[in-house]
Protein backbone atom coordinates (compact mmCIF):
# COMPACT_ATOMS: atom_id res chain seq x y z
CA UNK A 1 -2.99 -96.28 -52.55
CA UNK A 2 -5.39 -96.88 -49.67
CA UNK A 3 -7.62 -94.79 -47.45
CA UNK A 4 -5.56 -94.60 -44.26
CA UNK A 5 -6.91 -96.53 -41.29
CA UNK A 6 -7.98 -93.51 -39.21
CA UNK A 7 -10.00 -94.02 -36.05
CA UNK A 8 -10.52 -97.71 -36.66
CA UNK A 9 -12.00 -97.33 -40.17
CA UNK A 10 -11.09 -100.14 -42.56
CA UNK A 11 -8.45 -99.39 -45.17
CA UNK A 12 -9.81 -98.78 -48.69
CA UNK A 13 -8.06 -98.66 -52.06
CA UNK A 14 -8.11 -95.36 -53.97
CA UNK A 15 -6.29 -94.10 -57.05
CA UNK A 16 -2.66 -92.99 -56.54
CA UNK A 17 -2.07 -89.39 -55.49
CA UNK A 18 0.22 -86.97 -57.27
CA UNK A 19 2.22 -84.05 -55.99
CA UNK A 20 0.12 -80.87 -56.04
CA UNK A 21 0.82 -78.40 -58.81
CA UNK A 22 0.82 -74.65 -58.22
CA UNK A 23 -2.60 -73.02 -58.19
CA UNK A 24 -5.72 -72.69 -56.10
CA UNK A 25 -6.72 -75.84 -54.25
CA UNK A 26 -9.57 -76.52 -51.85
CA UNK A 27 -10.13 -79.39 -49.46
CA UNK A 28 -12.96 -81.57 -50.72
CA UNK A 29 -14.87 -83.76 -48.26
CA UNK A 30 -15.16 -87.21 -49.81
CA UNK A 31 -18.23 -87.72 -47.61
CA UNK A 32 -20.50 -84.64 -47.85
CA UNK A 33 -21.15 -82.32 -44.95
CA UNK A 34 -24.81 -81.70 -45.89
CA UNK A 35 -26.85 -82.44 -42.77
CA UNK A 36 -28.97 -85.21 -44.31
CA UNK A 37 -25.85 -87.03 -45.48
CA UNK A 38 -23.46 -86.29 -42.61
CA UNK A 39 -25.94 -87.70 -40.08
CA UNK A 40 -26.34 -90.85 -42.18
CA UNK A 41 -22.57 -91.27 -42.50
CA UNK A 42 -22.20 -90.85 -38.74
CA UNK A 43 -24.82 -93.52 -38.04
CA UNK A 44 -23.02 -95.82 -40.49
CA UNK A 45 -19.69 -95.25 -38.67
CA UNK A 46 -17.99 -92.96 -41.21
CA UNK A 47 -16.29 -89.84 -39.85
CA UNK A 48 -16.67 -87.29 -42.64
CA UNK A 49 -13.89 -84.93 -41.53
CA UNK A 50 -11.31 -87.73 -41.64
CA UNK A 51 -11.44 -88.01 -45.44
CA UNK A 52 -10.71 -84.94 -47.54
CA UNK A 53 -8.55 -84.44 -50.57
CA UNK A 54 -7.21 -81.26 -52.13
CA UNK A 55 -8.65 -80.65 -55.58
CA UNK A 56 -8.46 -77.63 -57.89
CA UNK A 57 -10.91 -74.89 -56.90
CA UNK A 58 -12.62 -74.90 -60.31
CA UNK A 59 -13.18 -78.68 -60.11
CA UNK A 60 -14.57 -78.33 -56.59
CA UNK A 61 -17.04 -75.70 -57.75
CA UNK A 62 -18.00 -77.77 -60.80
CA UNK A 63 -18.83 -80.95 -58.87
CA UNK A 64 -20.80 -79.03 -56.24
CA UNK A 65 -22.59 -76.92 -58.93
CA UNK A 66 -25.00 -74.08 -58.25
CA UNK A 67 -28.10 -76.01 -57.21
CA UNK A 68 -27.75 -75.08 -53.53
CA UNK A 69 -27.80 -78.77 -52.54
CA UNK A 70 -24.18 -79.69 -53.16
CA UNK A 71 -24.37 -80.36 -56.89
CA UNK A 72 -23.75 -83.64 -58.67
CA UNK A 73 -21.35 -84.93 -55.98
CA UNK A 74 -23.91 -84.70 -53.18
CA UNK A 75 -26.67 -85.99 -55.45
CA UNK A 76 -24.64 -89.09 -56.23
CA UNK A 77 -24.37 -89.72 -52.49
CA UNK A 78 -28.11 -89.12 -52.00
CA UNK A 79 -28.88 -91.61 -54.76
CA UNK A 80 -26.56 -94.16 -53.13
CA UNK A 81 -28.15 -93.58 -49.71
CA UNK A 82 -31.65 -94.05 -51.17
CA UNK A 83 -30.61 -97.26 -52.94
CA UNK A 84 -28.67 -98.67 -49.96
CA UNK A 85 -29.93 -97.09 -46.73
CA UNK A 86 -28.31 -99.84 -44.65
CA UNK A 87 -24.95 -99.72 -46.45
CA UNK A 88 -21.98 -100.96 -44.46
CA UNK A 89 -18.89 -98.80 -44.02
CA UNK A 90 -17.17 -101.09 -46.54
CA UNK A 91 -19.92 -100.39 -49.11
CA UNK A 92 -19.61 -96.65 -48.43
CA UNK A 93 -15.81 -96.59 -48.81
CA UNK A 94 -16.07 -98.61 -52.01
CA UNK A 95 -18.62 -96.18 -53.44
CA UNK A 96 -16.36 -93.26 -52.45
CA UNK A 97 -13.61 -94.78 -54.60
CA UNK A 98 -16.04 -95.19 -57.47
CA UNK A 99 -17.08 -91.53 -57.19
CA UNK A 100 -13.47 -90.34 -57.07
CA UNK A 101 -12.93 -92.23 -60.32
CA UNK A 102 -16.25 -91.15 -61.92
CA UNK A 103 -15.65 -87.47 -61.17
CA UNK A 104 -11.93 -87.80 -62.07
CA UNK A 105 -10.72 -86.32 -58.78
CA UNK A 106 -7.00 -86.77 -59.01
CA UNK A 107 -5.85 -84.16 -56.54
CA UNK A 108 -3.71 -84.69 -53.51
CA UNK A 109 -3.60 -87.29 -50.76
CA UNK A 110 -6.58 -88.30 -48.65
CA UNK A 111 -6.14 -86.60 -45.29
CA UNK A 112 -8.16 -85.39 -42.30
CA UNK A 113 -9.76 -81.97 -42.79
CA UNK A 114 -7.90 -80.43 -39.86
CA UNK A 115 -4.42 -81.54 -40.99
CA UNK A 116 -1.87 -79.03 -42.30
CA UNK A 117 -0.19 -80.92 -45.17
CA UNK A 118 -1.58 -80.43 -48.69
CA UNK A 119 -3.99 -77.51 -48.66
């Protein structure tokens, strides 16, 4: 499966999606909304609201843990940003795929936040 080519963004390969099972799901922004990160993504040409995926609520809460700064998911992005401040959109999309795999986020399809399908 690929990240859809929304708003001129290059297509990126991601793990295959499955049909959602019953239960509580939340839309997870692949690219964090935290101000320090969202501004950086915007400068780099990545539109954060175009890439969300439904994941189980308990998984969403686990990866964003109670540190008040977005948990391990946001920290992984902060570490990437610090290591590669001039990362290209291609580098960013590739890292997103790596994080989806690392955090084992096999939820629903990648979709814009404001879309109706999924969650």
